[in-house]
């Protein structure tokens, strides 16, 4: 299976986690990466909507998982 090798550079947060705009800043940092990933899976022949749903599922599943559990 041919997969992407790199996610690219992700900007570090400039705000503390408790700041009201922290989540907005995180969305801004992640949006281009998610767009690129969805574009790539769609180009590979996957359904974009199902891929987005799968990303949400995998994110929720891994929220509490340690590194060893994610392998």
PDB file of N, CA and C in Angstrom:
ATOM      1  N   UNK A   1       0.847  -1.178   0.000  1.00  0.00           N
ATOM      2  CA  UNK A   1       0.000   0.000   0.000  1.00  0.00           C
ATOM      3  C   UNK A   1       0.890   1.238   0.000  1.00  0.00           C
ATOM      4  N   UNK A   2       0.656   2.130  -0.919  1.00  0.00           N
ATOM      5  CA  UNK A   2       1.441   3.358  -1.037  1.00  0.00           C
ATOM      6  C   UNK A   2       0.773   4.448  -0.209  1.00  0.00           C
ATOM      7  N   UNK A   3       1.488   4.999   0.781  1.00  0.00           N
ATOM      8  CA  UNK A   3       0.919   6.024   1.657  1.00  0.00           C
ATOM      9  C   UNK A   3       1.820   7.249   1.689  1.00  0.00           C
ATOM     10  N   UNK A   4       1.276   8.342   2.198  1.00  0.00           N
ATOM     11  CA  UNK A   4       2.051   9.565   2.338  1.00  0.00           C
ATOM     12  C   UNK A   4       3.163   9.344   3.357  1.00  0.00           C
ATOM     13  N   UNK A   5       4.355   9.870   3.084  1.00  0.00           N
ATOM     14  CA  UNK A   5       5.484   9.716   3.987  1.00  0.00           C
ATOM     15  C   UNK A   5       5.591  10.832   5.007  1.00  0.00           C
ATOM     16  N   UNK A   6       4.998  11.983   4.737  1.00  0.00           N
ATOM     17  CA  UNK A   6       5.204  13.134   5.612  1.00  0.00           C
ATOM     18  C   UNK A   6       3.935  13.957   5.726  1.00  0.00           C
ATOM     19  N   UNK A   7       3.694  14.475   6.902  1.00  0.00           N
ATOM     20  CA  UNK A   7       2.544  15.350   7.111  1.00  0.00           C
ATOM     21  C   UNK A   7       2.874  16.802   6.819  1.00  0.00           C
ATOM     22  N   UNK A   8       4.133  17.136   6.805  1.00  0.00           N
ATOM     23  CA  UNK A   8       4.515  18.526   6.656  1.00  0.00           C
ATOM     24  C   UNK A   8       4.726  19.157   8.019  1.00  0.00           C
ATOM     25  N   UNK A   9       5.113  20.408   8.023  1.00  0.00           N
ATOM     26  CA  UNK A   9       5.410  21.104   9.276  1.00  0.00           C
ATOM     27  C   UNK A   9       4.129  21.673   9.868  1.00  0.00           C
ATOM     28  N   UNK A  10       3.955  21.454  11.156  1.00  0.00           N
ATOM     29  CA  UNK A  10       2.798  21.972  11.875  1.00  0.00           C
ATOM     30  C   UNK A  10       3.278  23.095  12.789  1.00  0.00           C
ATOM     31  N   UNK A  11       2.628  24.236  12.694  1.00  0.00           N
ATOM     32  CA  UNK A  11       2.999  25.380  13.527  1.00  0.00           C
ATOM     33  C   UNK A  11       2.737  25.074  14.994  1.00  0.00           C
ATOM     34  N   UNK A  12       3.643  25.502  15.840  1.00  0.00           N
ATOM     35  CA  UNK A  12       3.475  25.354  17.290  1.00  0.00           C
ATOM     36  C   UNK A  12       2.457  26.370  17.785  1.00  0.00           C
ATOM     37  N   UNK A  13       1.756  26.053  18.864  1.00  0.00           N
ATOM     38  CA  UNK A  13       0.798  27.020  19.407  1.00  0.00           C
ATOM     39  C   UNK A  13       1.512  28.249  19.972  1.00  0.00           C
ATOM     40  N   UNK A  14       0.855  29.372  19.850  1.00  0.00           N
ATOM     41  CA  UNK A  14       1.394  30.609  20.419  1.00  0.00           C
ATOM     42  C   UNK A  14       0.594  31.037  21.643  1.00  0.00           C
ATOM     43  N   UNK A  15      -0.523  30.349  21.882  1.00  0.00           N
ATOM     44  CA  UNK A  15      -1.416  30.680  22.982  1.00  0.00           C
ATOM     45  C   UNK A  15      -1.424  29.546  24.008  1.00  0.00           C
ATOM     46  N   UNK A  16      -1.697  29.852  25.278  1.00  0.00           N
ATOM     47  CA  UNK A  16      -1.824  28.777  26.264  1.00  0.00           C
ATOM     48  C   UNK A  16      -3.124  27.993  26.028  1.00  0.00           C
ATOM     49  N   UNK A  17      -3.146  26.749  26.475  1.00  0.00           N
ATOM     50  CA  UNK A  17      -4.325  25.886  26.288  1.00  0.00           C
ATOM     51  C   UNK A  17      -5.597  26.488  26.860  1.00  0.00           C
ATOM     52  N   UNK A  18      -5.464  27.296  27.845  1.00  0.00           N
ATOM     53  CA  UNK A  18      -6.629  27.889  28.504  1.00  0.00           C
ATOM     54  C   UNK A  18      -7.175  29.119  27.773  1.00  0.00           C
ATOM     55  N   UNK A  19      -6.454  29.601  26.778  1.00  0.00           N
ATOM     56  CA  UNK A  19      -6.890  30.787  26.033  1.00  0.00           C
ATOM     57  C   UNK A  19      -8.107  30.447  25.177  1.00  0.00           C
ATOM     58  N   UNK A  20      -9.043  31.359  25.111  1.00  0.00           N
ATOM     59  CA  UNK A  20     -10.271  31.174  24.345  1.00  0.00           C
ATOM     60  C   UNK A  20      -9.996  30.875  22.867  1.00  0.00           C
ATOM     61  N   UNK A  21      -8.933  31.433  22.304  1.00  0.00           N
ATOM     62  CA  UNK A  21      -8.627  31.269  20.884  1.00  0.00           C
ATOM     63  C   UNK A  21      -7.671  30.113  20.576  1.00  0.00           C
ATOM     64  N   UNK A  22      -7.311  29.334  21.571  1.00  0.00           N
ATOM     65  CA  UNK A  22      -6.384  28.206  21.376  1.00  0.00           C
ATOM     66  C   UNK A  22      -6.931  27.223  20.345  1.00  0.00           C
ATOM     67  N   UNK A  23      -8.211  26.863  20.467  1.00  0.00           N
ATOM     68  CA  UNK A  23      -8.817  25.910  19.532  1.00  0.00           C
ATOM     69  C   UNK A  23      -8.858  26.478  18.111  1.00  0.00           C
ATOM     70  N   UNK A  24      -9.142  27.758  17.993  1.00  0.00           N
ATOM     71  CA  UNK A  24      -9.154  28.393  16.675  1.00  0.00           C
ATOM     72  C   UNK A  24      -7.770  28.333  16.037  1.00  0.00           C
ATOM     73  N   UNK A  25      -6.754  28.599  16.832  1.00  0.00           N
ATOM     74  CA  UNK A  25      -5.382  28.529  16.329  1.00  0.00           C
ATOM     75  C   UNK A  25      -5.032  27.102  15.903  1.00  0.00           C
ATOM     76  N   UNK A  26      -5.485  26.118  16.660  1.00  0.00           N
ATOM     77  CA  UNK A  26      -5.243  24.717  16.320  1.00  0.00           C
ATOM     78  C   UNK A  26      -5.946  24.353  15.005  1.00  0.00           C
ATOM     79  N   UNK A  27      -7.174  24.799  14.841  1.00  0.00           N
ATOM     80  CA  UNK A  27      -7.909  24.553  13.590  1.00  0.00           C
ATOM     81  C   UNK A  27      -7.165  25.156  12.401  1.00  0.00           C
ATOM     82  N   UNK A  28      -6.638  26.347  12.583  1.00  0.00           N
ATOM     83  CA  UNK A  28      -5.894  27.015  11.513  1.00  0.00           C
ATOM     84  C   UNK A  28      -4.640  26.230  11.140  1.00  0.00           C
ATOM     85  N   UNK A  29      -3.979  25.650  12.131  1.00  0.00           N
ATOM     86  CA  UNK A  29      -2.768  24.876  11.877  1.00  0.00           C
ATOM     87  C   UNK A  29      -3.081  23.548  11.189  1.00  0.00           C
ATOM     88  N   UNK A  30      -4.192  22.924  11.567  1.00  0.00           N
ATOM     89  CA  UNK A  30      -4.516  21.595  11.049  1.00  0.00           C
ATOM     90  C   UNK A  30      -5.290  21.598   9.729  1.00  0.00           C
ATOM     91  N   UNK A  31      -6.049  22.640   9.448  1.00  0.00           N
ATOM     92  CA  UNK A  31      -6.917  22.664   8.269  1.00  0.00           C
ATOM     93  C   UNK A  31      -6.196  22.345   6.964  1.00  0.00           C
ATOM     94  N   UNK A  32      -5.039  22.957   6.667  1.00  0.00           N
ATOM     95  CA  UNK A  32      -4.381  22.641   5.395  1.00  0.00           C
ATOM     96  C   UNK A  32      -3.914  21.189   5.326  1.00  0.00           C
ATOM     97  N   UNK A  33      -3.533  20.625   6.462  1.00  0.00           N
ATOM     98  CA  UNK A  33      -3.098  19.234   6.486  1.00  0.00           C
ATOM     99  C   UNK A  33      -4.265  18.287   6.229  1.00  0.00           C
ATOM    100  N   UNK A  34      -5.398  18.586   6.846  1.00  0.00           N
ATOM    101  CA  UNK A  34      -6.591  17.760   6.633  1.00  0.00           C
ATOM    102  C   UNK A  34      -7.059  17.889   5.185  1.00  0.00           C
ATOM    103  N   UNK A  35      -7.060  19.105   4.654  1.00  0.00           N
ATOM    104  CA  UNK A  35      -7.429  19.306   3.250  1.00  0.00           C
ATOM    105  C   UNK A  35      -6.530  18.499   2.323  1.00  0.00           C
ATOM    106  N   UNK A  36      -5.223  18.561   2.580  1.00  0.00           N
ATOM    107  CA  UNK A  36      -4.272  17.814   1.760  1.00  0.00           C
ATOM    108  C   UNK A  36      -4.471  16.317   1.865  1.00  0.00           C
ATOM    109  N   UNK A  37      -4.729  15.835   3.068  1.00  0.00           N
ATOM    110  CA  UNK A  37      -4.958  14.406   3.269  1.00  0.00           C
ATOM    111  C   UNK A  37      -6.223  13.955   2.552  1.00  0.00           C
ATOM    112  N   UNK A  38      -7.308  14.721   2.680  1.00  0.00           N
ATOM    113  CA  UNK A  38      -8.546  14.365   1.999  1.00  0.00           C
ATOM    114  C   UNK A  38      -8.401  14.443   0.475  1.00  0.00           C
ATOM    115  N   UNK A  39      -7.663  15.427  -0.003  1.00  0.00           N
ATOM    116  CA  UNK A  39      -7.388  15.498  -1.448  1.00  0.00           C
ATOM    117  C   UNK A  39      -6.629  14.265  -1.906  1.00  0.00           C
ATOM    118  N   UNK A  40      -5.641  13.833  -1.101  1.00  0.00           N
ATOM    119  CA  UNK A  40      -4.822  12.673  -1.464  1.00  0.00           C
ATOM    120  C   UNK A  40      -5.636  11.382  -1.466  1.00  0.00           C
ATOM    121  N   UNK A  41      -6.489  11.191  -0.457  1.00  0.00           N
ATOM    122  CA  UNK A  41      -7.276   9.958  -0.430  1.00  0.00           C
ATOM    123  C   UNK A  41      -8.312   9.943  -1.542  1.00  0.00           C
ATOM    124  N   UNK A  42      -8.848  11.112  -1.864  1.00  0.00           N
ATOM    125  CA  UNK A  42      -9.803  11.205  -2.970  1.00  0.00           C
ATOM    126  C   UNK A  42      -9.106  10.907  -4.301  1.00  0.00           C
ATOM    127  N   UNK A  43      -7.902  11.423  -4.474  1.00  0.00           N
ATOM    128  CA  UNK A  43      -7.131  11.150  -5.697  1.00  0.00           C
ATOM    129  C   UNK A  43      -6.795   9.673  -5.826  1.00  0.00           C
ATOM    130  N   UNK A  44      -6.657   9.003  -4.684  1.00  0.00           N
ATOM    131  CA  UNK A  44      -6.351   7.574  -4.689  1.00  0.00           C
ATOM    132  C   UNK A  44      -7.591   6.728  -4.970  1.00  0.00           C
ATOM    133  N   UNK A  45      -8.759   7.372  -5.015  1.00  0.00           N
ATOM    134  CA  UNK A  45      -9.976   6.647  -5.349  1.00  0.00           C
ATOM    135  C   UNK A  45     -10.950   6.440  -4.193  1.00  0.00           C
ATOM    136  N   UNK A  46     -10.603   6.946  -3.004  1.00  0.00           N
ATOM    137  CA  UNK A  46     -11.500   6.806  -1.863  1.00  0.00           C
ATOM    138  C   UNK A  46     -12.580   7.881  -1.910  1.00  0.00           C
ATOM    139  N   UNK A  47     -13.718   7.597  -1.310  1.00  0.00           N
ATOM    140  CA  UNK A  47     -14.797   8.565  -1.202  1.00  0.00           C
ATOM    141  C   UNK A  47     -14.424   9.605  -0.134  1.00  0.00           C
ATOM    142  N   UNK A  48     -14.437  10.874  -0.505  1.00  0.00           N
ATOM    143  CA  UNK A  48     -13.999  11.945   0.393  1.00  0.00           C
ATOM    144  C   UNK A  48     -14.831  12.000   1.677  1.00  0.00           C
ATOM    145  N   UNK A  49     -16.138  11.878   1.568  1.00  0.00           N
ATOM    146  CA  UNK A  49     -17.021  11.950   2.735  1.00  0.00           C
ATOM    147  C   UNK A  49     -16.748  10.786   3.695  1.00  0.00           C
ATOM    148  N   UNK A  50     -16.597   9.583   3.158  1.00  0.00           N
ATOM    149  CA  UNK A  50     -16.309   8.421   4.010  1.00  0.00           C
ATOM    150  C   UNK A  50     -14.928   8.539   4.645  1.00  0.00           C
ATOM    151  N   UNK A  51     -13.975   9.106   3.910  1.00  0.00           N
ATOM    152  CA  UNK A  51     -12.636   9.309   4.463  1.00  0.00           C
ATOM    153  C   UNK A  51     -12.678  10.320   5.609  1.00  0.00           C
ATOM    154  N   UNK A  52     -13.449  11.383   5.461  1.00  0.00           N
ATOM    155  CA  UNK A  52     -13.579  12.380   6.531  1.00  0.00           C
ATOM    156  C   UNK A  52     -14.220  11.748   7.767  1.00  0.00           C
ATOM    157  N   UNK A  53     -15.247  10.941   7.560  1.00  0.00           N
ATOM    158  CA  UNK A  53     -15.881  10.244   8.675  1.00  0.00           C
ATOM    159  C   UNK A  53     -14.869   9.325   9.365  1.00  0.00           C
ATOM    160  N   UNK A  54     -14.090   8.605   8.569  1.00  0.00           N
ATOM    161  CA  UNK A  54     -13.096   7.690   9.120  1.00  0.00           C
ATOM    162  C   UNK A  54     -12.041   8.441   9.920  1.00  0.00           C
ATOM    163  N   UNK A  55     -11.625   9.620   9.463  1.00  0.00           N
ATOM    164  CA  UNK A  55     -10.684  10.444  10.221  1.00  0.00           C
ATOM    165  C   UNK A  55     -11.268  10.848  11.577  1.00  0.00           C
ATOM    166  N   UNK A  56     -12.549  11.204  11.593  1.00  0.00           N
ATOM    167  CA  UNK A  56     -13.188  11.549  12.865  1.00  0.00           C
ATOM    168  C   UNK A  56     -13.201  10.340  13.800  1.00  0.00           C
ATOM    169  N   UNK A  57     -13.540   9.171  13.259  1.00  0.00           N
ATOM    170  CA  UNK A  57     -13.575   7.953  14.060  1.00  0.00           C
ATOM    171  C   UNK A  57     -12.194   7.630  14.621  1.00  0.00           C
ATOM    172  N   UNK A  58     -11.183   7.646  13.755  1.00  0.00           N
ATOM    173  CA  UNK A  58      -9.826   7.321  14.190  1.00  0.00           C
ATOM    174  C   UNK A  58      -9.312   8.325  15.221  1.00  0.00           C
ATOM    175  N   UNK A  59      -9.642   9.593  15.038  1.00  0.00           N
ATOM    176  CA  UNK A  59      -9.223  10.617  16.002  1.00  0.00           C
ATOM    177  C   UNK A  59      -9.837  10.360  17.369  1.00  0.00           C
ATOM    178  N   UNK A  60     -11.126  10.073  17.400  1.00  0.00           N
ATOM    179  CA  UNK A  60     -11.801   9.804  18.667  1.00  0.00           C
ATOM    180  C   UNK A  60     -11.259   8.538  19.317  1.00  0.00           C
ATOM    181  N   UNK A  61     -11.027   7.535  18.508  1.00  0.00           N
ATOM    182  CA  UNK A  61     -10.516   6.256  19.014  1.00  0.00           C
ATOM    183  C   UNK A  61      -9.136   6.421  19.641  1.00  0.00           C
ATOM    184  N   UNK A  62      -8.313   7.263  19.050  1.00  0.00           N
ATOM    185  CA  UNK A  62      -6.939   7.413  19.499  1.00  0.00           C
ATOM    186  C   UNK A  62      -6.755   8.487  20.574  1.00  0.00           C
ATOM    187  N   UNK A  63      -7.792   9.194  20.890  1.00  0.00           N
ATOM    188  CA  UNK A  63      -7.686  10.293  21.845  1.00  0.00           C
ATOM    189  C   UNK A  63      -7.050   9.854  23.159  1.00  0.00           C
ATOM    190  N   UNK A  64      -7.442   8.717  23.674  1.00  0.00           N
ATOM    191  CA  UNK A  64      -6.882   8.248  24.932  1.00  0.00           C
ATOM    192  C   UNK A  64      -5.837   7.161  24.778  1.00  0.00           C
ATOM    193  N   UNK A  65      -5.526   6.784  23.555  1.00  0.00           N
ATOM    194  CA  UNK A  65      -4.584   5.696  23.322  1.00  0.00           C
ATOM    195  C   UNK A  65      -3.135   6.172  23.426  1.00  0.00           C
ATOM    196  N   UNK A  66      -2.295   5.323  23.978  1.00  0.00           N
ATOM    197  CA  UNK A  66      -0.862   5.613  24.016  1.00  0.00           C
ATOM    198  C   UNK A  66      -0.223   5.257  22.691  1.00  0.00           C
ATOM    199  N   UNK A  67       1.048   5.605  22.525  1.00  0.00           N
ATOM    200  CA  UNK A  67       1.751   5.340  21.266  1.00  0.00           C
ATOM    201  C   UNK A  67       1.744   3.862  20.890  1.00  0.00           C
ATOM    202  N   UNK A  68       1.930   2.990  21.853  1.00  0.00           N
ATOM    203  CA  UNK A  68       1.966   1.553  21.565  1.00  0.00           C
ATOM    204  C   UNK A  68       0.611   1.052  21.081  1.00  0.00           C
ATOM    205  N   UNK A  69      -0.470   1.603  21.590  1.00  0.00           N
ATOM    206  CA  UNK A  69      -1.813   1.182  21.188  1.00  0.00           C
ATOM    207  C   UNK A  69      -2.172   1.641  19.783  1.00  0.00           C
ATOM    208  N   UNK A  70      -1.502   2.666  19.274  1.00  0.00           N
ATOM    209  CA  UNK A  70      -1.818   3.219  17.946  1.00  0.00           C
ATOM    210  C   UNK A  70      -1.165   2.449  16.818  1.00  0.00           C
ATOM    211  N   UNK A  71      -0.255   1.562  17.111  1.00  0.00           N
ATOM    212  CA  UNK A  71       0.460   0.829  16.053  1.00  0.00           C
ATOM    213  C   UNK A  71      -0.391  -0.243  15.448  1.00  0.00           C
TER     214      UNK A  71
END
